[in-house]
């Protein structure tokens, strides 16, 4: 008896059919569907299998647009490798394809940041400061260059050599790269700041935010100081040892060996000076509040003792609502805006579905 075979699509096959422009289009469309209640995420947002080193994280979504459901399955012990998205037909429940998600997830993360910036940034933004130079950060320059007419990308890492190697590896026509280890020097005049680090202490503070800047936080730890949210000093307890745990493993954040940060004088925890005093952000968005409570800066604030009520009171809304047109993003040129982007599983499923169709898998 012959058994049915589930198509398994490798990273190499995915790369042959999916472009940066595809990822940007799919993410923005999926955000809009989420904001218009045309899709559903798993509840809870993430399910953990096993508490030991060899555990897994599962995130799922049901997408009306494609008539599919999907589950992203990520080992916590493989440094971001061997993540898969299983896509199933909604009507019959039968599995359609398993798509490898190592490369695709990193592209989706960078595309999510670029879409968030497109929804929130000032028109004509041209200077991007990238804090971190790891595996996911490698996808950020191309994604942002697709959206913005960038003049300059400033790469800030803990080690000068990491920033220089990154800039050389990701050069773009017509875009000037500068490198360094001091965020105080890089931040002034930035239109866009993207942080994707594994820092277990806050490294981005109010004084780093120029008027009109859009800050996108992607890292798996508490890299954004809570004062950026509150605008005033926040006395917090110490975060748990190791910081908030990532339920999906290293693919959700850059590891220290992969170019984690940092930084120059005055940029560390408790810093209040350097690039000029600043206040908190005027507007604050998340992509998925449920998952933001589990990982990244929001989780770090809560773990360190910032009341959930404070976070919710400062929350302007969701990126999907902005994409759906049900609420505004930026409302004034000089607003400082923070978006915490931790990943919406529906975007992974939608990209896996596009991959399937591009490869002719019914």
Protein backbone atom coordinates (compact mmCIF):
# COMPACT_ATOMS: atom_id res chain seq x y z
CA UNK A 1 0.00 0.00 0.00
CA UNK A 2 1.42 3.38 -0.96
CA UNK A 3 1.14 6.10 1.64
CA UNK A 4 0.49 9.76 0.79
CA UNK A 5 3.58 11.93 0.90
CA UNK A 6 3.56 15.35 2.52
CA UNK A 7 5.60 17.81 0.43
CA UNK A 8 8.48 19.28 2.44
CA UNK A 9 9.92 22.52 1.08
CA UNK A 10 13.52 23.32 1.94
CA UNK A 11 15.06 26.73 2.63
CA UNK A 12 16.73 26.61 -0.78
CA UNK A 13 13.40 26.06 -2.53
CA UNK A 14 11.78 28.87 -0.55
CA UNK A 15 14.56 31.28 -1.52
CA UNK A 16 14.04 30.44 -5.17
CA UNK A 17 10.44 31.74 -5.21
CA UNK A 18 10.07 34.37 -2.44
CA UNK A 19 11.47 37.91 -2.65
CA UNK A 20 11.77 40.81 -0.21
CA UNK A 21 8.92 42.54 -2.04
CA UNK A 22 6.78 39.41 -1.62
CA UNK A 23 7.41 39.38 2.12
CA UNK A 24 6.53 43.07 2.50
CA UNK A 25 3.31 42.64 0.55
CA UNK A 26 2.24 39.52 2.45
CA UNK A 27 3.00 41.00 5.87
CA UNK A 28 1.10 44.22 5.23
CA UNK A 29 -1.89 42.39 3.75
CA UNK A 30 -1.91 39.92 6.66
CA UNK A 31 -1.70 42.75 9.19
CA UNK A 32 -4.72 44.33 7.51
CA UNK A 33 -6.62 41.02 7.61
CA UNK A 34 -5.77 40.68 11.31
CA UNK A 35 -6.95 44.22 11.99
CA UNK A 36 -10.22 43.52 10.12
CA UNK A 37 -10.80 40.21 11.98
CA UNK A 38 -10.35 38.14 8.82
CA UNK A 39 -7.98 35.74 10.55
CA UNK A 40 -7.54 34.16 13.96
CA UNK A 41 -4.42 33.44 15.99
CA UNK A 42 -3.90 30.50 18.31
CA UNK A 43 -5.00 31.04 21.90
CA UNK A 44 -2.80 31.24 23.85
CA UNK A 45 -0.58 32.85 21.25
CA UNK A 46 2.20 30.35 21.91
CA UNK A 47 2.17 26.84 23.31
CA UNK A 48 5.31 25.36 24.81
CA UNK A 49 6.14 21.67 24.55
CA UNK A 50 8.58 20.66 27.24
CA UNK A 51 10.42 22.84 29.69
CA UNK A 52 13.88 21.38 29.14
CA UNK A 53 16.59 22.19 26.64
CA UNK A 54 14.96 20.12 23.90
CA UNK A 55 11.56 21.75 23.95
CA UNK A 56 9.47 23.36 21.22
CA UNK A 57 7.32 26.43 20.71
CA UNK A 58 4.12 26.30 18.62
CA UNK A 59 2.25 29.30 17.17
CA UNK A 60 -0.74 28.95 14.89
CA UNK A 61 -3.16 30.91 12.73
CA UNK A 62 -6.31 30.41 10.68
CA UNK A 63 -6.40 32.49 7.49
CA UNK A 64 -9.72 33.07 5.74
CA UNK A 65 -8.04 34.67 2.72
CA UNK A 66 -6.19 31.48 1.79
CA UNK A 67 -8.55 28.87 3.20
CA UNK A 68 -5.78 27.42 5.31
CA UNK A 69 -4.63 26.99 8.86
CA UNK A 70 -1.01 26.67 9.87
CA UNK A 71 1.28 25.98 12.79
CA UNK A 72 4.83 27.25 13.12
CA UNK A 73 6.96 24.74 15.06
CA UNK A 74 10.28 25.94 16.45
CA UNK A 75 12.83 23.91 18.42
CA UNK A 76 14.37 25.88 21.27
CA UNK A 77 17.71 24.08 21.02
CA UNK A 78 18.81 24.43 17.38
CA UNK A 79 19.87 28.10 17.21
CA UNK A 80 17.00 28.96 14.93
CA UNK A 81 17.47 26.05 12.54
CA UNK A 82 14.88 23.41 11.64
CA UNK A 83 11.83 25.58 12.21
CA UNK A 84 8.88 24.46 10.08
CA UNK A 85 5.45 25.75 9.16
CA UNK A 86 2.81 23.07 8.62
CA UNK A 87 -0.04 24.28 6.38
CA UNK A 88 -3.44 22.53 6.37
CA UNK A 89 -6.53 22.99 4.22
CA UNK A 90 -9.28 24.50 6.35
CA UNK A 91 -12.21 22.77 4.66
CA UNK A 92 -10.88 19.21 4.83
CA UNK A 93 -8.29 19.47 7.59
CA UNK A 94 -5.75 17.64 5.47
CA UNK A 95 -2.08 18.72 5.63
CA UNK A 96 -0.85 20.36 2.44
CA UNK A 97 2.82 21.16 2.93
CA UNK A 98 5.60 21.63 5.47
CA UNK A 99 7.76 24.66 4.70
CA UNK A 100 11.18 25.12 6.28
CA UNK A 101 11.19 28.43 8.10
CA UNK A 102 14.77 29.28 9.00
CA UNK A 103 15.42 31.71 6.14
CA UNK A 104 11.77 32.62 5.65
CA UNK A 105 11.21 33.51 9.30
CA UNK A 106 14.20 35.85 9.33
CA UNK A 107 12.97 37.55 6.17
CA UNK A 108 9.45 37.80 7.62
CA UNK A 109 10.79 39.41 10.80
CA UNK A 110 12.71 42.06 8.89
CA UNK A 111 9.73 42.62 6.59
CA UNK A 112 7.47 43.06 9.63
CA UNK A 113 9.79 45.77 10.93
CA UNK A 114 9.82 47.52 7.55
CA UNK A 115 6.02 47.36 7.27
CA UNK A 116 5.67 48.76 10.80
CA UNK A 117 7.98 51.60 9.82
CA UNK A 118 6.04 52.23 6.61
CA UNK A 119 2.84 52.54 8.66
CA UNK A 120 4.35 54.83 11.30
CA UNK A 121 7.39 56.72 10.01
CA UNK A 122 7.55 60.23 8.63
CA UNK A 123 7.36 60.43 4.84
CA UNK A 124 10.81 60.91 3.42
CA UNK A 125 12.65 59.08 6.20
CA UNK A 126 16.20 58.52 4.99
CA UNK A 127 18.48 57.69 7.93
CA UNK A 128 18.22 54.26 9.56
CA UNK A 129 20.16 53.27 12.66
CA UNK A 130 20.37 49.50 13.09
CA UNK A 131 21.28 48.30 16.57
CA UNK A 132 22.53 44.73 16.29
CA UNK A 133 24.12 42.77 13.46
CA UNK A 134 22.95 39.21 13.88
CA UNK A 135 21.13 36.67 11.77
CA UNK A 136 17.83 38.55 11.49
CA UNK A 137 19.45 41.99 11.29
CA UNK A 138 21.10 40.79 8.07
CA UNK A 139 17.70 41.04 6.36
CA UNK A 140 16.89 44.55 7.59
CA UNK A 141 18.87 46.73 5.12
CA UNK A 142 17.29 45.23 2.00
CA UNK A 143 13.80 45.29 3.51
CA UNK A 144 14.02 48.94 4.55
CA UNK A 145 15.66 49.98 1.28
CA UNK A 146 12.66 48.49 -0.52
CA UNK A 147 10.33 50.77 1.46
CA UNK A 148 12.36 53.96 2.01
CA UNK A 149 14.74 55.99 -0.14
CA UNK A 150 17.54 55.55 2.36
CA UNK A 151 20.63 57.75 2.26
CA UNK A 152 22.41 56.20 5.23
CA UNK A 153 22.38 53.11 7.43
CA UNK A 154 24.24 53.44 10.73
CA UNK A 155 25.20 50.04 12.14
CA UNK A 156 25.83 49.91 15.89
CA UNK A 157 27.18 46.76 17.55
CA UNK A 158 29.10 45.78 20.65
CA UNK A 159 32.27 45.07 18.65
CA UNK A 160 33.47 47.47 15.96
CA UNK A 161 34.62 44.61 13.74
CA UNK A 162 31.10 43.12 13.71
CA UNK A 163 29.60 46.39 12.48
CA UNK A 164 32.27 46.77 9.78
CA UNK A 165 31.82 43.20 8.55
CA UNK A 166 28.06 43.65 8.49
CA UNK A 167 28.27 46.85 6.46
CA UNK A 168 30.59 45.24 3.94
CA UNK A 169 28.36 42.20 3.57
CA UNK A 170 25.12 44.15 3.09
CA UNK A 171 26.17 47.11 0.93
CA UNK A 172 23.37 48.64 -1.14
CA UNK A 173 23.64 50.90 -4.20
CA UNK A 174 23.31 54.55 -3.28
CA UNK A 175 23.20 53.93 0.48
CA UNK A 176 26.06 55.06 2.72
CA UNK A 177 26.94 52.79 5.64
CA UNK A 178 28.59 54.02 8.81
CA UNK A 179 29.61 51.82 11.72
CA UNK A 180 30.41 52.12 15.39
CA UNK A 181 29.84 50.93 18.93
CA UNK A 182 28.33 54.10 20.43
CA UNK A 183 24.58 54.57 20.07
CA UNK A 184 24.90 58.05 21.56
CA UNK A 185 26.86 59.05 18.47
CA UNK A 186 24.65 57.22 15.98
CA UNK A 187 21.17 58.09 17.23
CA UNK A 188 20.98 61.88 16.70
CA UNK A 189 19.26 62.69 13.44
CA UNK A 190 17.98 59.16 12.85
CA UNK A 191 14.57 58.93 11.24
CA UNK A 192 14.34 55.21 12.00
CA UNK A 193 15.92 53.07 14.71
CA UNK A 194 15.63 49.29 14.54
CA UNK A 195 16.82 47.33 17.57
CA UNK A 196 17.33 43.59 17.35
CA UNK A 197 19.62 42.45 20.12
CA UNK A 198 19.85 39.82 22.81
CA UNK A 199 20.66 42.38 25.49
CA UNK A 200 19.30 41.48 28.93
CA UNK A 201 19.49 45.12 30.03
CA UNK A 202 17.88 48.20 28.48
CA UNK A 203 20.21 49.79 25.94
CA UNK A 204 17.91 52.31 24.24
CA UNK A 205 16.82 55.26 26.36
CA UNK A 206 14.78 58.44 25.89
CA UNK A 207 17.84 60.55 25.12
CA UNK A 208 18.44 58.43 22.01
CA UNK A 209 15.14 59.51 20.44
CA UNK A 210 15.16 62.60 18.24
CA UNK A 211 11.83 64.32 17.51
CA UNK A 212 9.99 62.44 14.79
CA UNK A 213 11.91 59.18 15.14
CA UNK A 214 10.25 55.79 14.71
CA UNK A 215 11.74 53.09 16.94
CA UNK A 216 11.11 49.44 16.05
CA UNK A 217 11.98 46.91 18.77
CA UNK A 218 12.48 43.33 17.57
CA UNK A 219 14.80 41.78 20.16
CA UNK A 220 13.96 38.92 22.46
CA UNK A 221 15.07 40.71 25.64
CA UNK A 222 14.27 43.98 27.43
CA UNK A 223 16.38 46.18 25.12
CA UNK A 224 14.05 49.22 25.39
CA UNK A 225 14.16 51.19 28.64
CA UNK A 226 10.71 51.55 30.27
CA UNK A 227 11.28 55.31 30.53
CA UNK A 228 10.80 55.42 26.77
CA UNK A 229 7.23 54.31 27.43
CA UNK A 230 6.49 56.32 30.56
CA UNK A 231 8.55 59.46 29.96
CA UNK A 232 9.72 59.45 33.59
CA UNK A 233 12.16 57.46 35.69
CA UNK A 234 10.75 54.04 36.55
CA UNK A 235 12.01 52.28 39.71
CA UNK A 236 11.89 48.60 38.87
CA UNK A 237 13.09 45.42 40.46
CA UNK A 238 15.76 43.32 38.80
CA UNK A 239 14.67 41.25 35.84
CA UNK A 240 14.79 37.49 36.31
CA UNK A 241 18.15 35.86 35.70
CA UNK A 242 18.72 35.64 31.96
CA UNK A 243 15.85 38.02 31.23
CA UNK A 244 12.52 37.02 29.73
CA UNK A 245 12.80 33.64 28.08
CA UNK A 246 12.12 33.27 24.38
CA UNK A 247 9.50 30.64 23.79
CA UNK A 248 10.68 30.16 20.25
CA UNK A 249 14.40 30.04 20.80
CA UNK A 250 17.27 31.90 19.17
CA UNK A 251 15.46 32.51 15.90
CA UNK A 252 13.53 35.23 17.72
CA UNK A 253 16.60 37.20 18.74
CA UNK A 254 20.21 37.60 17.85
CA UNK A 255 22.68 35.66 19.95
CA UNK A 256 25.82 37.24 21.42
CA UNK A 257 28.08 35.43 18.99
CA UNK A 258 25.98 36.71 16.13
CA UNK A 259 26.70 40.39 16.77
CA UNK A 260 24.74 41.30 19.88
CA UNK A 261 25.15 44.68 21.51
CA UNK A 262 26.72 46.89 23.23
CA UNK A 263 27.44 49.94 23.57
CA UNK A 264 29.37 53.15 24.01
CA UNK A 265 29.61 55.31 27.14
CA UNK A 266 26.27 56.41 28.54
CA UNK A 267 24.24 53.84 26.65
CA UNK A 268 23.86 51.17 29.31
CA UNK A 269 21.21 50.55 31.92
CA UNK A 270 20.53 53.52 34.14
CA UNK A 271 22.04 55.95 31.65
CA UNK A 272 20.38 59.30 31.48
CA UNK A 273 22.69 61.41 29.39
CA UNK A 274 24.78 61.36 26.29
CA UNK A 275 23.04 62.38 23.11
CA UNK A 276 20.92 65.04 24.80
CA UNK A 277 18.01 64.64 27.16
CA UNK A 278 14.77 63.25 25.72
CA UNK A 279 11.29 62.33 26.80
CA UNK A 280 9.23 59.23 26.23
CA UNK A 281 7.35 58.36 23.08
CA UNK A 282 4.04 59.95 22.22
CA UNK A 283 2.62 56.84 20.56
CA UNK A 284 3.19 53.12 21.23
CA UNK A 285 2.07 50.18 19.09
CA UNK A 286 2.45 46.41 19.15
CA UNK A 287 1.83 43.78 16.50
CA UNK A 288 0.36 41.19 18.90
CA UNK A 289 -0.03 42.14 22.56
CA UNK A 290 -0.48 38.53 23.66
CA UNK A 291 2.91 37.48 22.34
CA UNK A 292 4.57 40.74 23.38
CA UNK A 293 3.74 39.79 26.97
CA UNK A 294 5.82 36.63 26.47
CA UNK A 295 9.02 37.95 24.91
CA UNK A 296 10.91 41.15 24.26
CA UNK A 297 10.74 44.56 25.87
CA UNK A 298 7.10 44.41 27.00
CA UNK A 299 7.76 41.09 28.71
CA UNK A 300 10.91 42.58 30.23
CA UNK A 301 9.03 45.56 31.63
CA UNK A 302 6.39 43.32 33.20
CA UNK A 303 8.97 40.90 34.60
CA UNK A 304 10.86 43.78 36.19
CA UNK A 305 7.75 45.09 37.93
CA UNK A 306 6.19 47.69 35.63
CA UNK A 307 2.44 47.33 36.22
CA UNK A 308 0.48 45.91 33.32
CA UNK A 309 -1.98 48.76 33.79
CA UNK A 310 0.79 51.24 33.02
CA UNK A 311 1.72 49.44 29.82
CA UNK A 312 -1.91 49.25 28.71
CA UNK A 313 -2.56 52.89 29.54
CA UNK A 314 0.31 53.95 27.27
CA UNK A 315 -0.61 51.57 24.44
CA UNK A 316 -1.95 53.50 21.46
CA UNK A 317 -3.09 50.46 19.53
CA UNK A 318 -2.04 47.65 17.23
CA UNK A 319 -0.15 47.69 13.96
CA UNK A 320 -2.86 45.50 12.37
CA UNK A 321 -5.46 48.16 13.21
CA UNK A 322 -3.30 50.79 11.49
CA UNK A 323 -2.85 48.52 8.46
CA UNK A 324 -6.62 47.94 8.31
CA UNK A 325 -7.26 51.68 8.41
CA UNK A 326 -9.27 51.58 11.62
CA UNK A 327 -6.86 53.84 13.53
CA UNK A 328 -4.16 56.34 12.57
CA UNK A 329 -0.46 55.66 12.92
CA UNK A 330 1.52 58.88 13.01
CA UNK A 331 -0.51 62.03 13.66
CA UNK A 332 2.25 64.67 13.77
CA UNK A 333 5.71 64.98 12.18
CA UNK A 334 7.60 65.36 15.48
CA UNK A 335 5.94 62.46 17.32
CA UNK A 336 8.32 59.86 18.70
CA UNK A 337 6.77 56.46 18.07
CA UNK A 338 7.66 53.02 19.44
CA UNK A 339 6.52 49.78 17.83
CA UNK A 340 7.27 46.47 19.53
CA UNK A 341 7.22 43.81 16.83
CA UNK A 342 7.53 40.25 18.10
CA UNK A 343 5.94 38.40 15.21
CA UNK A 344 2.45 37.41 14.10
CA UNK A 345 2.23 33.72 13.22
CA UNK A 346 -0.34 34.49 10.53
CA UNK A 347 2.41 36.16 8.50
CA UNK A 348 4.51 32.98 8.63
CA UNK A 349 1.54 30.90 7.54
CA UNK A 350 0.67 33.31 4.71
CA UNK A 351 4.24 33.24 3.40
CA UNK A 352 4.30 29.44 3.61
CA UNK A 353 1.05 29.38 1.64
CA UNK A 354 2.51 31.70 -1.02
CA UNK A 355 5.58 29.47 -1.22
CA UNK A 356 3.36 26.44 -1.73
CA UNK A 357 1.45 28.10 -4.55
CA UNK A 358 4.57 29.46 -6.25
CA UNK A 359 5.99 25.94 -6.31
CA UNK A 360 2.78 24.53 -7.76
CA UNK A 361 1.81 22.49 -4.71
CA UNK A 362 -1.98 22.28 -4.75
